[in-house]
PDB file of N, CA and C in Angstrom:
ATOM      1  N   MET A   1       0.809  -1.186   0.000  1.00  0.00           N
ATOM      2  CA  MET A   1       0.000   0.000   0.000  1.00  0.00           C
ATOM      3  C   MET A   1       0.862   1.264   0.000  1.00  0.00           C
ATOM      4  N   SER A   2       1.918   1.289   0.825  1.00  0.00           N
ATOM      5  CA  SER A   2       2.761   2.474   0.885  1.00  0.00           C
ATOM      6  C   SER A   2       3.584   2.651  -0.389  1.00  0.00           C
ATOM      7  N   THR A   3       3.926   1.561  -1.065  1.00  0.00           N
ATOM      8  CA  THR A   3       4.693   1.686  -2.303  1.00  0.00           C
ATOM      9  C   THR A   3       3.867   2.355  -3.392  1.00  0.00           C
ATOM     10  N   GLU A   4       2.561   2.119  -3.402  1.00  0.00           N
ATOM     11  CA  GLU A   4       1.705   2.781  -4.383  1.00  0.00           C
ATOM     12  C   GLU A   4       1.643   4.285  -4.124  1.00  0.00           C
ATOM     13  N   LYS A   5       1.552   4.659  -2.849  1.00  0.00           N
ATOM     14  CA  LYS A   5       1.521   6.076  -2.500  1.00  0.00           C
ATOM     15  C   LYS A   5       2.855   6.738  -2.815  1.00  0.00           C
ATOM     16  N   GLU A   6       3.944   6.050  -2.559  1.00  0.00           N
ATOM     17  CA  GLU A   6       5.260   6.588  -2.873  1.00  0.00           C
ATOM     18  C   GLU A   6       5.422   6.773  -4.372  1.00  0.00           C
ATOM     19  N   LYS A   7       4.975   5.800  -5.153  1.00  0.00           N
ATOM     20  CA  LYS A   7       5.067   5.898  -6.614  1.00  0.00           C
ATOM     21  C   LYS A   7       4.217   7.065  -7.118  1.00  0.00           C
ATOM     22  N   GLU A   8       3.030   7.219  -6.560  1.00  0.00           N
ATOM     23  CA  GLU A   8       2.160   8.331  -6.965  1.00  0.00           C
ATOM     24  C   GLU A   8       2.782   9.670  -6.582  1.00  0.00           C
ATOM     25  N   SER A   9       3.393   9.727  -5.421  1.00  0.00           N
ATOM     26  CA  SER A   9       4.054  10.949  -4.966  1.00  0.00           C
ATOM     27  C   SER A   9       5.224  11.307  -5.880  1.00  0.00           C
ATOM     28  N   ILE A  10       5.995  10.317  -6.279  1.00  0.00           N
ATOM     29  CA  ILE A  10       7.120  10.543  -7.183  1.00  0.00           C
ATOM     30  C   ILE A  10       6.622  11.014  -8.546  1.00  0.00           C
ATOM     31  N   ASP A  11       5.541  10.416  -9.045  1.00  0.00           N
ATOM     32  CA  ASP A  11       4.968  10.818 -10.325  1.00  0.00           C
ATOM     33  C   ASP A  11       4.488  12.267 -10.281  1.00  0.00           C
ATOM     34  N   LEU A  12       3.839  12.654  -9.182  1.00  0.00           N
ATOM     35  CA  LEU A  12       3.374  14.040  -9.034  1.00  0.00           C
ATOM     36  C   LEU A  12       4.548  15.011  -8.972  1.00  0.00           C
ATOM     37  N   TYR A  13       5.596  14.615  -8.289  1.00  0.00           N
ATOM     38  CA  TYR A  13       6.785  15.455  -8.189  1.00  0.00           C
ATOM     39  C   TYR A  13       7.425  15.654  -9.557  1.00  0.00           C
ATOM     40  N   GLN A  14       7.558  14.585 -10.323  1.00  0.00           N
ATOM     41  CA  GLN A  14       8.142  14.693 -11.663  1.00  0.00           C
ATOM     42  C   GLN A  14       7.261  15.525 -12.586  1.00  0.00           C
ATOM     43  N   ALA A  15       5.948  15.393 -12.461  1.00  0.00           N
ATOM     44  CA  ALA A  15       5.034  16.195 -13.273  1.00  0.00           C
ATOM     45  C   ALA A  15       5.169  17.666 -12.920  1.00  0.00           C
ATOM     46  N   ARG A  16       5.296  17.966 -11.627  1.00  0.00           N
ATOM     47  CA  ARG A  16       5.468  19.358 -11.211  1.00  0.00           C
ATOM     48  C   ARG A  16       6.778  19.933 -11.738  1.00  0.00           C
ATOM     49  N   LEU A  17       7.848  19.150 -11.695  1.00  0.00           N
ATOM     50  CA  LEU A  17       9.131  19.609 -12.232  1.00  0.00           C
ATOM     51  C   LEU A  17       9.037  19.901 -13.725  1.00  0.00           C
ATOM     52  N   ALA A  18       8.364  19.034 -14.476  1.00  0.00           N
ATOM     53  CA  ALA A  18       8.213  19.236 -15.908  1.00  0.00           C
ATOM     54  C   ALA A  18       7.386  20.489 -16.197  1.00  0.00           C
ATOM     55  N   ASP A  19       6.324  20.691 -15.438  1.00  0.00           N
ATOM     56  CA  ASP A  19       5.497  21.883 -15.629  1.00  0.00           C
ATOM     57  C   ASP A  19       6.273  23.155 -15.308  1.00  0.00           C
ATOM     58  N   THR A  20       7.031  23.123 -14.226  1.00  0.00           N
ATOM     59  CA  THR A  20       7.820  24.287 -13.837  1.00  0.00           C
ATOM     60  C   THR A  20       8.871  24.607 -14.887  1.00  0.00           C
ATOM     61  N   GLU A  21       9.530  23.586 -15.393  1.00  0.00           N
ATOM     62  CA  GLU A  21      10.541  23.796 -16.424  1.00  0.00           C
ATOM     63  C   GLU A  21       9.926  24.421 -17.674  1.00  0.00           C
ATOM     64  N   TYR A  22       8.769  23.940 -18.074  1.00  0.00           N
ATOM     65  CA  TYR A  22       8.085  24.480 -19.251  1.00  0.00           C
ATOM     66  C   TYR A  22       7.718  25.946 -19.035  1.00  0.00           C
ATOM     67  N   LEU A  23       7.159  26.260 -17.868  1.00  0.00           N
ATOM     68  CA  LEU A  23       6.740  27.638 -17.600  1.00  0.00           C
ATOM     69  C   LEU A  23       7.921  28.600 -17.528  1.00  0.00           C
ATOM     70  N   VAL A  24       9.022  28.161 -16.948  1.00  0.00           N
ATOM     71  CA  VAL A  24      10.211  29.005 -16.882  1.00  0.00           C
ATOM     72  C   VAL A  24      10.768  29.248 -18.280  1.00  0.00           C
ATOM     73  N   ARG A  25      10.845  28.200 -19.086  1.00  0.00           N
ATOM     74  CA  ARG A  25      11.355  28.340 -20.450  1.00  0.00           C
ATOM     75  C   ARG A  25      10.459  29.273 -21.265  1.00  0.00           C
ATOM     76  N   ARG A  26       9.155  29.145 -21.096  1.00  0.00           N
ATOM     77  CA  ARG A  26       8.202  29.976 -21.844  1.00  0.00           C
ATOM     78  C   ARG A  26       8.313  31.442 -21.422  1.00  0.00           C
ATOM     79  N   SER A  27       8.425  31.699 -20.122  1.00  0.00           N
ATOM     80  CA  SER A  27       8.526  33.085 -19.665  1.00  0.00           C
ATOM     81  C   SER A  27       9.844  33.717 -20.096  1.00  0.00           C
ATOM     82  N   MET A  28      10.918  32.928 -20.143  1.00  0.00           N
ATOM     83  CA  MET A  28      12.188  33.458 -20.625  1.00  0.00           C
ATOM     84  C   MET A  28      12.095  33.854 -22.090  1.00  0.00           C
ATOM     85  N   MET A  29      11.418  33.042 -22.888  1.00  0.00           N
ATOM     86  CA  MET A  29      11.285  33.353 -24.308  1.00  0.00           C
ATOM     87  C   MET A  29      10.411  34.589 -24.515  1.00  0.00           C
ATOM     88  N   LYS A  30       9.330  34.695 -23.747  1.00  0.00           N
ATOM     89  CA  LYS A  30       8.459  35.877 -23.863  1.00  0.00           C
ATOM     90  C   LYS A  30       9.204  37.140 -23.456  1.00  0.00           C
ATOM     91  N   GLY A  31      10.002  37.064 -22.403  1.00  0.00           N
ATOM     92  CA  GLY A  31      10.793  38.213 -21.989  1.00  0.00           C
ATOM     93  C   GLY A  31      11.800  38.617 -23.051  1.00  0.00           C
ATOM     94  N   TYR A  32      12.446  37.638 -23.674  1.00  0.00           N
ATOM     95  CA  TYR A  32      13.398  37.915 -24.745  1.00  0.00           C
ATOM     96  C   TYR A  32      12.698  38.612 -25.909  1.00  0.00           C
ATOM     97  N   GLN A  33      11.535  38.095 -26.296  1.00  0.00           N
ATOM     98  CA  GLN A  33      10.804  38.697 -27.402  1.00  0.00           C
ATOM     99  C   GLN A  33      10.377  40.121 -27.075  1.00  0.00           C
ATOM    100  N   LEU A  34       9.839  40.332 -25.885  1.00  0.00           N
ATOM    101  CA  LEU A  34       9.356  41.655 -25.499  1.00  0.00           C
ATOM    102  C   LEU A  34      10.489  42.677 -25.469  1.00  0.00           C
ATOM    103  N   PHE A  35      11.575  42.340 -24.811  1.00  0.00           N
ATOM    104  CA  PHE A  35      12.682  43.288 -24.709  1.00  0.00           C
ATOM    105  C   PHE A  35      13.382  43.499 -26.048  1.00  0.00           C
ATOM    106  N   SER A  36      13.395  42.500 -26.924  1.00  0.00           N
ATOM    107  CA  SER A  36      13.991  42.670 -28.247  1.00  0.00           C
ATOM    108  C   SER A  36      13.168  43.628 -29.097  1.00  0.00           C
ATOM    109  N   ILE A  37      11.866  43.662 -28.865  1.00  0.00           N
ATOM    110  CA  ILE A  37      11.006  44.576 -29.616  1.00  0.00           C
ATOM    111  C   ILE A  37      11.078  45.987 -29.041  1.00  0.00           C
ATOM    112  N   LEU A  38      11.132  46.104 -27.727  1.00  0.00           N
ATOM    113  CA  LEU A  38      11.107  47.422 -27.084  1.00  0.00           C
ATOM    114  C   LEU A  38      12.445  48.160 -27.127  1.00  0.00           C
ATOM    115  N   THR A  39      13.535  47.442 -27.132  1.00  0.00           N
ATOM    116  CA  THR A  39      14.845  48.075 -27.010  1.00  0.00           C
ATOM    117  C   THR A  39      15.223  48.979 -28.194  1.00  0.00           C
ATOM    118  N   PRO A  40      15.068  48.570 -29.468  1.00  0.00           N
ATOM    119  CA  PRO A  40      15.518  49.445 -30.556  1.00  0.00           C
ATOM    120  C   PRO A  40      14.868  50.833 -30.583  1.00  0.00           C
ATOM    121  N   PRO A  41      13.539  50.961 -30.452  1.00  0.00           N
ATOM    122  CA  PRO A  41      12.995  52.322 -30.459  1.00  0.00           C
ATOM    123  C   PRO A  41      13.433  53.153 -29.250  1.00  0.00           C
ATOM    124  N   ILE A  42      13.546  52.508 -28.097  1.00  0.00           N
ATOM    125  CA  ILE A  42      13.991  53.240 -26.903  1.00  0.00           C
ATOM    126  C   ILE A  42      15.441  53.682 -27.071  1.00  0.00           C
ATOM    127  N   TYR A  43      16.287  52.792 -27.563  1.00  0.00           N
ATOM    128  CA  TYR A  43      17.695  53.139 -27.757  1.00  0.00           C
ATOM    129  C   TYR A  43      17.851  54.230 -28.819  1.00  0.00           C
ATOM    130  N   THR A  44      17.079  54.135 -29.894  1.00  0.00           N
ATOM    131  CA  THR A  44      17.144  55.148 -30.949  1.00  0.00           C
ATOM    132  C   THR A  44      16.752  56.505 -30.397  1.00  0.00           C
ATOM    133  N   GLY A  45      15.658  56.575 -29.657  1.00  0.00           N
ATOM    134  CA  GLY A  45      15.245  57.846 -29.068  1.00  0.00           C
ATOM    135  C   GLY A  45      16.276  58.394 -28.101  1.00  0.00           C
ATOM    136  N   PHE A  46      16.828  57.525 -27.275  1.00  0.00           N
ATOM    137  CA  PHE A  46      17.849  57.943 -26.317  1.00  0.00           C
ATOM    138  C   PHE A  46      19.092  58.476 -27.040  1.00  0.00           C
ATOM    139  N   SER A  47      19.536  57.762 -28.062  1.00  0.00           N
ATOM    140  CA  SER A  47      20.743  58.179 -28.787  1.00  0.00           C
ATOM    141  C   SER A  47      20.534  59.508 -29.503  1.00  0.00           C
ATOM    142  N   LEU A  48      19.398  59.666 -30.140  1.00  0.00           N
ATOM    143  CA  LEU A  48      19.138  60.917 -30.847  1.00  0.00           C
ATOM    144  C   LEU A  48      18.998  62.083 -29.877  1.00  0.00           C
ATOM    145  N   PHE A  49      18.363  61.866 -28.771  1.00  0.00           N
ATOM    146  CA  PHE A  49      18.154  62.935 -27.799  1.00  0.00           C
ATOM    147  C   PHE A  49      19.439  63.318 -27.086  1.00  0.00           C
ATOM    148  N   ARG A  50      20.231  62.341 -26.663  1.00  0.00           N
ATOM    149  CA  ARG A  50      21.412  62.626 -25.860  1.00  0.00           C
ATOM    150  C   ARG A  50      22.669  62.916 -26.688  1.00  0.00           C
ATOM    151  N   ARG A  51      22.841  62.217 -27.786  1.00  0.00           N
ATOM    152  CA  ARG A  51      24.125  62.296 -28.495  1.00  0.00           C
ATOM    153  C   ARG A  51      24.033  62.886 -29.886  1.00  0.00           C
ATOM    154  N   GLY A  52      22.887  62.880 -30.499  1.00  0.00           N
ATOM    155  CA  GLY A  52      22.757  63.399 -31.853  1.00  0.00           C
ATOM    156  C   GLY A  52      22.851  62.295 -32.890  1.00  0.00           C
ATOM    157  N   ARG A  53      22.672  62.666 -34.143  1.00  0.00           N
ATOM    158  CA  ARG A  53      22.621  61.677 -35.229  1.00  0.00           C
ATOM    159  C   ARG A  53      23.943  60.980 -35.486  1.00  0.00           C
ATOM    160  N   GLY A  54      25.056  61.647 -35.220  1.00  0.00           N
ATOM    161  CA  GLY A  54      26.363  61.085 -35.522  1.00  0.00           C
ATOM    162  C   GLY A  54      26.714  59.837 -34.712  1.00  0.00           C
ATOM    163  N   HIS A  55      26.065  59.656 -33.574  1.00  0.00           N
ATOM    164  CA  HIS A  55      26.385  58.515 -32.708  1.00  0.00           C
ATOM    165  C   HIS A  55      25.461  57.328 -32.919  1.00  0.00           C
ATOM    166  N   LEU A  56      24.500  57.448 -33.803  1.00  0.00           N
ATOM    167  CA  LEU A  56      23.567  56.357 -34.061  1.00  0.00           C
ATOM    168  C   LEU A  56      24.071  55.535 -35.245  1.00  0.00           C
ATOM    169  N   THR A  57      24.477  54.293 -34.991  1.00  0.00           N
ATOM    170  CA  THR A  57      24.953  53.408 -36.051  1.00  0.00           C
ATOM    171  C   THR A  57      24.178  52.092 -35.996  1.00  0.00           C
ATOM    172  N   VAL A  58      24.223  51.369 -37.091  1.00  0.00           N
ATOM    173  CA  VAL A  58      23.548  50.080 -37.154  1.00  0.00           C
ATOM    174  C   VAL A  58      24.167  49.107 -36.154  1.00  0.00           C
ATOM    175  N   ASN A  59      25.482  49.141 -36.028  1.00  0.00           N
ATOM    176  CA  ASN A  59      26.160  48.248 -35.097  1.00  0.00           C
ATOM    177  C   ASN A  59      25.685  48.482 -33.665  1.00  0.00           C
ATOM    178  N   ARG A  60      25.573  49.730 -33.262  1.00  0.00           N
ATOM    179  CA  ARG A  60      25.118  50.033 -31.896  1.00  0.00           C
ATOM    180  C   ARG A  60      23.656  49.661 -31.707  1.00  0.00           C
ATOM    181  N   LEU A  61      22.849  49.848 -32.735  1.00  0.00           N
ATOM    182  CA  LEU A  61      21.438  49.480 -32.651  1.00  0.00           C
ATOM    183  C   LEU A  61      21.280  47.968 -32.505  1.00  0.00           C
ATOM    184  N   LEU A  62      22.045  47.198 -33.279  1.00  0.00           N
ATOM    185  CA  LEU A  62      21.984  45.747 -33.164  1.00  0.00           C
ATOM    186  C   LEU A  62      22.505  45.263 -31.813  1.00  0.00           C
ATOM    187  N   ARG A  63      23.542  45.905 -31.314  1.00  0.00           N
ATOM    188  CA  ARG A  63      24.072  45.547 -29.999  1.00  0.00           C
ATOM    189  C   ARG A  63      23.023  45.828 -28.917  1.00  0.00           C
ATOM    190  N   ALA A  64      22.325  46.940 -29.016  1.00  0.00           N
ATOM    191  CA  ALA A  64      21.280  47.259 -28.041  1.00  0.00           C
ATOM    192  C   ALA A  64      20.150  46.243 -28.118  1.00  0.00           C
ATOM    193  N   THR A  65      19.793  45.799 -29.321  1.00  0.00           N
ATOM    194  CA  THR A  65      18.743  44.797 -29.475  1.00  0.00           C
ATOM    195  C   THR A  65      19.164  43.489 -28.816  1.00  0.00           C
ATOM    196  N   TRP A  66      20.403  43.088 -29.035  1.00  0.00           N
ATOM    197  CA  TRP A  66      20.909  41.850 -28.438  1.00  0.00           C
ATOM    198  C   TRP A  66      20.926  41.955 -26.916  1.00  0.00           C
ATOM    199  N   LEU A  67      21.424  43.080 -26.391  1.00  0.00           N
ATOM    200  CA  LEU A  67      21.480  43.252 -24.943  1.00  0.00           C
ATOM    201  C   LEU A  67      20.088  43.340 -24.334  1.00  0.00           C
ATOM    202  N   GLY A  68      19.152  43.953 -25.044  1.00  0.00           N
ATOM    203  CA  GLY A  68      17.773  43.998 -24.563  1.00  0.00           C
ATOM    204  C   GLY A  68      17.162  42.614 -24.496  1.00  0.00           C
ATOM    205  N   GLY A  69      17.451  41.790 -25.479  1.00  0.00           N
ATOM    206  CA  GLY A  69      16.957  40.413 -25.465  1.00  0.00           C
ATOM    207  C   GLY A  69      17.527  39.616 -24.308  1.00  0.00           C
ATOM    208  N   VAL A  70      18.806  39.808 -24.046  1.00  0.00           N
ATOM    209  CA  VAL A  70      19.440  39.106 -22.923  1.00  0.00           C
ATOM    210  C   VAL A  70      18.823  39.566 -21.606  1.00  0.00           C
ATOM    211  N   ALA A  71      18.573  40.860 -21.478  1.00  0.00           N
ATOM    212  CA  ALA A  71      17.948  41.375 -20.256  1.00  0.00           C
ATOM    213  C   ALA A  71      16.544  40.800 -20.103  1.00  0.00           C
ATOM    214  N   GLY A  72      15.828  40.672 -21.200  1.00  0.00           N
ATOM    215  CA  GLY A  72      14.494  40.082 -21.138  1.00  0.00           C
ATOM    216  C   GLY A  72      14.522  38.619 -20.793  1.00  0.00           C
ATOM    217  N   ARG A  73      15.548  37.941 -21.210  1.00  0.00           N
ATOM    218  CA  ARG A  73      15.663  36.514 -20.888  1.00  0.00           C
ATOM    219  C   ARG A  73      15.966  36.312 -19.410  1.00  0.00           C
ATOM    220  N   CYS A  74      16.685  37.240 -18.821  1.00  0.00           N
ATOM    221  CA  CYS A  74      17.023  37.133 -17.402  1.00  0.00           C
ATOM    222  C   CYS A  74      15.870  37.583 -16.512  1.00  0.00           C
ATOM    223  N   ARG A  75      14.967  38.351 -17.064  1.00  0.00           N
ATOM    224  CA  ARG A  75      13.834  38.861 -16.272  1.00  0.00           C
ATOM    225  C   ARG A  75      12.850  37.729 -16.037  1.00  0.00           C
ATOM    226  N   ARG A  76      12.352  37.596 -14.820  1.00  0.00           N
ATOM    227  CA  ARG A  76      11.387  36.539 -14.487  1.00  0.00           C
ATOM    228  C   ARG A  76       9.994  37.129 -14.506  1.00  0.00           C
ATOM    229  N   THR A  77       9.115  36.498 -15.252  1.00  0.00           N
ATOM    230  CA  THR A  77       7.725  36.932 -15.280  1.00  0.00           C
ATOM    231  C   THR A  77       6.882  35.931 -14.520  1.00  0.00           C
ATOM    232  N   THR A  78       5.831  36.423 -13.899  1.00  0.00           N
ATOM    233  CA  THR A  78       4.951  35.522 -13.149  1.00  0.00           C
ATOM    234  C   THR A  78       3.575  35.533 -13.745  1.00  0.00           C
TER     235      THR A  78
END
């Protein structure tokens, strides 16, 4: 009788781990997508306002997009 309860408990634990892993992976991807979309316009506005047109380059814009995506991936959503 106790072995059945132990097996059921282990199955529930493994199911919870799988669900948690899926939710964490999904929230990381959503954060990456959100920050990758938001970062370029914010960075462009910041660069134009603070530094002028001469400091805005494609390389810096792409770097900001990449860094924004990384920041979104590290952000935890609930």
